């Protein structure tokens, strides 16, 4: 029996899902944290741009904190930051604004994937965006931890003086939140790299299947 080969398109058994492979309720919840951090750092950066005496106030802030005179960062601050205070003040305000924008864009991208239709389709740029978001989360955590050390913040404990304020200093609270965002975005990056649109299209592309005389059509 003569057997020929002809290309036949194999269609996926199930239609595309509304939620992406990287999606879950936990992912969406973490995106809310990322949104809050993004807004916080954008506003913090803009506040620095709006301060006409920002460089002088930055110099006073760094000089007056206990971490400048003693602690793990004291040598770095006195030997590098204070002699170049204008440079580091400028780097800080631009860094905070840039980190906030990156975090907010990453959260918006996670939210976009929750929608169905063409608006929620997966794109090739998502994996790099997730990787940049992960680096931004780590940067936010590192920056906040450095400020907390510079300010001499102590680990949370029972303190009567904090009866009407946050029990955990904001700078220390941002550290685990930034790590959580970095963790989430790293997971998205790894999953998206395994589920790239091009790879899926190739997997459902034309395939050669044997066709015999008995099942030939037309």
Protein backbone atom coordinates (compact mmCIF):
# COMPACT_ATOMS: atom_id res chain seq x y z
CA UNK A 1 0.00 0.00 0.00
CA UNK A 2 1.42 3.33 -1.06
CA UNK A 3 1.79 5.85 1.75
CA UNK A 4 2.33 9.56 1.20
CA UNK A 5 3.10 12.34 3.63
CA UNK A 6 1.19 15.59 3.71
CA UNK A 7 1.38 18.53 6.15
CA UNK A 8 -1.50 18.71 8.58
CA UNK A 9 -1.98 21.39 11.21
CA UNK A 10 -2.47 19.93 14.68
CA UNK A 11 -4.75 22.20 16.69
CA UNK A 12 -4.48 22.33 20.47
CA UNK A 13 -7.05 20.21 22.29
CA UNK A 14 -8.10 23.04 24.60
CA UNK A 15 -8.68 26.72 23.83
CA UNK A 16 -6.28 29.26 25.29
CA UNK A 17 -6.96 30.02 28.93
CA UNK A 18 -7.94 33.46 30.16
CA UNK A 19 -5.35 33.29 32.93
CA UNK A 20 -1.69 33.02 31.89
CA UNK A 21 0.56 30.16 32.90
CA UNK A 22 2.22 32.47 35.41
CA UNK A 23 -1.07 33.62 36.91
CA UNK A 24 -2.81 32.90 40.19
CA UNK A 25 -4.70 34.70 42.91
CA UNK A 26 -1.48 34.98 44.93
CA UNK A 27 0.24 36.61 41.96
CA UNK A 28 -2.51 39.21 41.66
CA UNK A 29 -2.37 39.87 45.41
CA UNK A 30 1.39 40.39 45.26
CA UNK A 31 0.87 42.82 42.40
CA UNK A 32 -1.12 45.01 44.82
CA UNK A 33 1.94 45.16 47.08
CA UNK A 34 4.03 46.04 44.05
CA UNK A 35 1.58 48.81 43.15
CA UNK A 36 1.76 50.28 46.66
CA UNK A 37 5.57 50.23 46.63
CA UNK A 38 5.63 51.76 43.16
CA UNK A 39 3.38 54.64 44.22
CA UNK A 40 5.40 55.16 47.40
CA UNK A 41 8.71 55.45 45.57
CA UNK A 42 7.33 57.59 42.75
CA UNK A 43 5.91 60.07 45.25
CA UNK A 44 9.08 59.95 47.34
CA UNK A 45 11.17 60.76 44.28
CA UNK A 46 8.83 63.55 43.18
CA UNK A 47 8.88 65.03 46.70
CA UNK A 48 12.65 65.30 46.41
CA UNK A 49 12.35 67.05 43.05
CA UNK A 50 9.85 69.49 44.55
CA UNK A 51 12.14 70.39 47.48
CA UNK A 52 14.13 73.49 46.53
CA UNK A 53 16.59 72.82 49.39
CA UNK A 54 16.79 69.10 48.81
CA UNK A 55 20.59 68.80 48.65
CA UNK A 56 21.05 70.77 51.88
CA UNK A 57 18.32 68.77 53.60
CA UNK A 58 19.86 65.52 52.35
CA UNK A 59 23.24 66.55 53.76
CA UNK A 60 21.65 67.40 57.11
CA UNK A 61 19.69 64.13 57.17
CA UNK A 62 22.77 62.00 56.51
CA UNK A 63 25.00 63.92 58.92
CA UNK A 64 22.55 63.84 61.82
CA UNK A 65 21.72 60.13 61.78
CA UNK A 66 23.47 57.79 64.23
CA UNK A 67 24.54 55.40 61.49
CA UNK A 68 26.92 58.04 60.14
CA UNK A 69 29.08 58.17 63.26
CA UNK A 70 28.96 54.46 64.10
CA UNK A 71 27.78 51.28 62.48
CA UNK A 72 28.50 49.17 59.42
CA UNK A 73 27.86 52.03 56.99
CA UNK A 74 29.67 54.80 58.88
CA UNK A 75 32.96 54.45 57.02
CA UNK A 76 31.24 54.42 53.62
CA UNK A 77 29.06 57.40 54.47
CA UNK A 78 31.87 59.55 55.88
CA UNK A 79 34.43 58.57 53.25
CA UNK A 80 32.25 58.57 50.13
CA UNK A 81 28.74 59.97 50.56
CA UNK A 82 29.36 63.16 52.54
CA UNK A 83 32.29 64.36 50.36
CA UNK A 84 30.05 63.89 47.30
CA UNK A 85 26.72 64.74 48.87
CA UNK A 86 25.27 66.54 45.83
CA UNK A 87 26.00 63.58 43.55
CA UNK A 88 24.45 61.00 45.88
CA UNK A 89 21.46 63.21 46.58
CA UNK A 90 20.78 63.43 42.84
CA UNK A 91 21.29 59.69 42.37
CA UNK A 92 18.84 58.95 45.18
CA UNK A 93 15.96 61.04 43.85
CA UNK A 94 16.32 59.74 40.29
CA UNK A 95 16.69 56.16 41.58
CA UNK A 96 13.56 56.35 43.69
CA UNK A 97 11.53 57.75 40.81
CA UNK A 98 12.85 55.15 38.35
CA UNK A 99 12.27 52.24 40.76
CA UNK A 100 8.73 53.42 41.42
CA UNK A 101 7.94 53.61 37.71
CA UNK A 102 9.38 50.13 37.06
CA UNK A 103 7.41 48.62 39.94
CA UNK A 104 4.19 50.27 38.81
CA UNK A 105 4.63 49.17 35.21
CA UNK A 106 5.34 45.61 36.34
CA UNK A 107 2.19 45.57 38.45
CA UNK A 108 0.17 46.94 35.53
CA UNK A 109 1.52 44.15 33.32
CA UNK A 110 0.43 41.53 35.84
CA UNK A 111 -3.01 43.13 35.93
CA UNK A 112 -3.26 43.20 32.15
CA UNK A 113 -2.81 39.43 31.97
CA UNK A 114 -5.89 38.97 34.14
CA UNK A 115 -8.07 40.14 31.22
CA UNK A 116 -9.39 37.97 28.42
CA UNK A 117 -9.28 38.61 24.70
CA UNK A 118 -6.58 40.39 22.72
CA UNK A 119 -5.83 42.78 25.59
CA UNK A 120 -4.67 39.95 27.86
CA UNK A 121 -2.57 38.04 25.34
CA UNK A 122 0.99 37.05 26.23
CA UNK A 123 3.80 38.97 24.56
CA UNK A 124 7.50 38.32 24.19
CA UNK A 125 8.52 41.35 26.23
CA UNK A 126 6.95 40.02 29.45
CA UNK A 127 9.92 37.92 30.58
CA UNK A 128 12.44 40.80 30.39
CA UNK A 129 9.94 43.10 32.12
CA UNK A 130 9.55 40.55 34.92
CA UNK A 131 13.33 40.29 35.30
CA UNK A 132 13.69 44.08 35.54
CA UNK A 133 10.84 44.09 38.08
CA UNK A 134 12.67 41.50 40.18
CA UNK A 135 15.83 43.63 40.17
CA UNK A 136 13.74 46.67 41.14
CA UNK A 137 12.25 44.77 44.08
CA UNK A 138 15.71 43.83 45.33
CA UNK A 139 16.91 47.41 44.87
CA UNK A 140 13.96 48.75 46.87
CA UNK A 141 14.68 46.28 49.67
CA UNK A 142 18.39 47.12 49.70
CA UNK A 143 17.81 50.87 49.62
CA UNK A 144 15.28 50.72 52.44
CA UNK A 145 17.54 48.53 54.55
CA UNK A 146 20.45 50.95 54.05
CA UNK A 147 18.29 53.89 55.18
CA UNK A 148 17.10 51.90 58.21
CA UNK A 149 20.71 51.11 59.19
CA UNK A 150 21.71 54.73 58.66
CA UNK A 151 18.86 55.88 60.90
CA UNK A 152 19.83 53.37 63.57
CA UNK A 153 16.48 51.56 63.45
CA UNK A 154 16.23 48.61 65.82
CA UNK A 155 14.42 45.33 65.33
CA UNK A 156 10.72 45.49 66.23
CA UNK A 157 9.96 44.94 69.91
CA UNK A 158 7.46 46.03 72.54
CA UNK A 159 7.99 49.76 73.01
CA UNK A 160 5.53 52.04 74.88
CA UNK A 161 6.63 54.96 72.73
CA UNK A 162 5.18 53.25 69.65
CA UNK A 163 1.70 52.79 71.11
CA UNK A 164 0.22 55.17 68.52
CA UNK A 165 2.69 54.66 65.67
CA UNK A 166 3.69 51.70 63.53
CA UNK A 167 5.25 48.90 65.55
CA UNK A 168 7.64 48.18 62.68
CA UNK A 169 9.52 51.18 61.22
CA UNK A 170 8.43 51.85 57.65
CA UNK A 171 11.96 51.42 56.30
CA UNK A 172 12.17 47.93 57.80
CA UNK A 173 8.64 47.09 56.67
CA UNK A 174 9.51 47.87 53.05
CA UNK A 175 12.41 45.37 53.08
CA UNK A 176 10.33 42.14 53.14
CA UNK A 177 7.79 43.69 50.78
CA UNK A 178 10.53 44.42 48.26
CA UNK A 179 11.87 40.88 48.63
CA UNK A 180 8.34 39.52 48.08
CA UNK A 181 8.03 41.51 44.86
CA UNK A 182 11.44 40.29 43.69
CA UNK A 183 10.44 36.70 44.51
CA UNK A 184 7.18 37.02 42.59
CA UNK A 185 8.75 38.65 39.55
CA UNK A 186 11.55 36.08 39.48
CA UNK A 187 8.95 33.31 39.46
CA UNK A 188 7.11 35.05 36.61
CA UNK A 189 10.35 35.38 34.67
CA UNK A 190 11.18 31.69 34.98
CA UNK A 191 7.66 30.58 34.03
CA UNK A 192 7.39 32.99 31.10
CA UNK A 193 10.72 31.82 29.73
CA UNK A 194 9.30 28.30 29.62
CA UNK A 195 6.02 29.43 28.04
CA UNK A 196 7.12 31.85 25.36
CA UNK A 197 4.52 32.46 22.65
CA UNK A 198 6.96 31.51 19.88
CA UNK A 199 7.65 28.15 21.51
CA UNK A 200 3.94 27.39 21.76
CA UNK A 201 3.28 28.38 18.17
CA UNK A 202 6.08 26.12 17.01
CA UNK A 203 4.65 23.24 19.02
CA UNK A 204 1.30 23.47 17.24
CA UNK A 205 2.72 24.16 13.79
CA UNK A 206 2.35 21.95 10.70
CA UNK A 207 3.42 18.33 11.21
CA UNK A 208 3.94 15.55 8.72
CA UNK A 209 1.57 12.58 9.19
CA UNK A 210 1.30 9.50 7.01
CA UNK A 211 -1.69 9.33 4.65
CA UNK A 212 -2.65 6.05 3.01
CA UNK A 213 -4.79 5.47 -0.05
CA UNK A 214 -7.68 4.36 2.19
CA UNK A 215 -7.98 7.61 4.14
CA UNK A 216 -7.10 10.05 1.36
CA UNK A 217 -9.72 12.78 0.95
CA UNK A 218 -10.58 14.58 -2.34
